[in-house]
């Protein structure tokens, strides 16, 4: 599998470190239901078949974080975005 780093170009997956699901949001620790929210956040996740967004770091390259959209059935990579751009779109209300 090759991941197209936005800064370095296509690289082998062995240069990257996988962090996990890029669609989850850390719960607010000050919320009244914080314990339940954190239990759900850590232990209860969907296991989708098909397109899924994942967070990866180009650990043996430029050290940048990227969001990879990958089909979990075929492992085909459908897109790669800089995590910084995804986070900016999320905070500005964009749909990325």
Protein backbone atom coordinates (compact mmCIF):
# COMPACT_ATOMS: atom_id res chain seq x y z
CA UNK A 1 0.00 0.00 0.00
CA UNK A 2 1.29 3.48 -0.88
CA UNK A 3 0.17 6.73 0.71
CA UNK A 4 0.51 9.98 -1.24
CA UNK A 5 1.97 12.38 1.34
CA UNK A 6 0.88 15.93 0.44
CA UNK A 7 4.47 17.11 1.06
CA UNK A 8 6.70 14.21 -0.07
CA UNK A 9 4.62 12.43 -2.71
CA UNK A 10 3.77 8.71 -2.81
CA UNK A 11 5.54 6.65 -0.15
CA UNK A 12 5.32 3.10 1.16
CA UNK A 13 3.02 2.49 4.10
CA UNK A 14 6.06 1.38 6.15
CA UNK A 15 7.06 5.08 6.42
CA UNK A 16 3.80 5.90 8.20
CA UNK A 17 2.40 5.32 11.68
CA UNK A 18 -1.33 4.67 12.07
CA UNK A 19 -3.16 6.54 14.84
CA UNK A 20 -6.76 5.53 14.27
CA UNK A 21 -10.20 6.78 13.34
CA UNK A 22 -10.08 10.38 12.11
CA UNK A 23 -13.81 10.93 12.53
CA UNK A 24 -14.11 10.74 16.32
CA UNK A 25 -13.99 13.80 18.55
CA UNK A 26 -12.58 13.70 22.07
CA UNK A 27 -15.37 14.25 24.65
CA UNK A 28 -15.48 17.28 26.93
CA UNK A 29 -14.07 16.20 30.33
CA UNK A 30 -16.18 18.88 32.03
CA UNK A 31 -19.50 17.57 30.69
CA UNK A 32 -21.98 16.06 33.13
CA UNK A 33 -21.85 12.71 31.28
CA UNK A 34 -18.05 12.75 30.84
CA UNK A 35 -17.44 9.23 32.18
CA UNK A 36 -19.97 7.61 29.84
CA UNK A 37 -18.75 9.74 26.93
CA UNK A 38 -15.13 8.68 27.51
CA UNK A 39 -16.07 5.00 27.86
CA UNK A 40 -17.91 5.22 24.53
CA UNK A 41 -15.01 7.17 22.98
CA UNK A 42 -12.42 4.57 24.01
CA UNK A 43 -14.29 1.26 23.80
CA UNK A 44 -17.30 1.56 21.49
CA UNK A 45 -16.55 2.35 17.87
CA UNK A 46 -18.23 1.47 14.60
CA UNK A 47 -16.41 -1.00 12.39
CA UNK A 48 -17.49 0.16 8.94
CA UNK A 49 -17.05 -1.76 5.71
CA UNK A 50 -16.20 0.60 2.88
CA UNK A 51 -14.77 4.11 2.92
CA UNK A 52 -13.29 5.19 6.26
CA UNK A 53 -11.17 8.18 7.33
CA UNK A 54 -7.99 7.41 9.28
CA UNK A 55 -5.26 9.50 10.89
CA UNK A 56 -1.67 8.65 9.90
CA UNK A 57 1.70 10.29 10.56
CA UNK A 58 4.53 10.30 8.03
CA UNK A 59 6.86 9.16 10.81
CA UNK A 60 9.88 8.25 8.67
CA UNK A 61 9.49 11.24 6.39
CA UNK A 62 8.36 14.83 6.92
CA UNK A 63 6.59 14.01 10.24
CA UNK A 64 3.32 15.52 8.98
CA UNK A 65 -0.10 14.17 9.95
CA UNK A 66 -2.50 13.18 7.19
CA UNK A 67 -6.10 12.00 6.97
CA UNK A 68 -6.33 9.00 4.66
CA UNK A 69 -9.68 7.94 3.22
CA UNK A 70 -9.34 4.20 2.67
CA UNK A 71 -11.77 1.52 1.61
CA UNK A 72 -11.64 -1.06 4.40
CA UNK A 73 -12.83 -3.85 2.10
CA UNK A 74 -10.21 -3.39 -0.60
CA UNK A 75 -7.55 -1.31 1.21
CA UNK A 76 -7.63 1.06 -1.79
CA UNK A 77 -6.75 4.61 -0.80
CA UNK A 78 -9.38 7.01 -2.09
CA UNK A 79 -7.81 10.25 -0.88
CA UNK A 80 -5.18 11.87 1.35
CA UNK A 81 -5.48 15.29 2.98
CA UNK A 82 -3.22 17.21 5.34
CA UNK A 83 -4.68 16.80 8.84
CA UNK A 84 -4.16 20.52 9.43
CA UNK A 85 -6.54 21.31 6.55
CA UNK A 86 -9.13 18.82 7.81
CA UNK A 87 -8.98 20.33 11.32
CA UNK A 88 -9.28 23.87 9.94
CA UNK A 89 -12.32 22.88 7.87
CA UNK A 90 -13.89 21.21 10.92
CA UNK A 91 -13.47 24.30 13.13
CA UNK A 92 -14.69 26.68 10.42
CA UNK A 93 -17.76 24.54 9.78
CA UNK A 94 -16.60 23.18 6.42
CA UNK A 95 -17.50 19.68 5.36
CA UNK A 96 -14.17 17.88 5.01
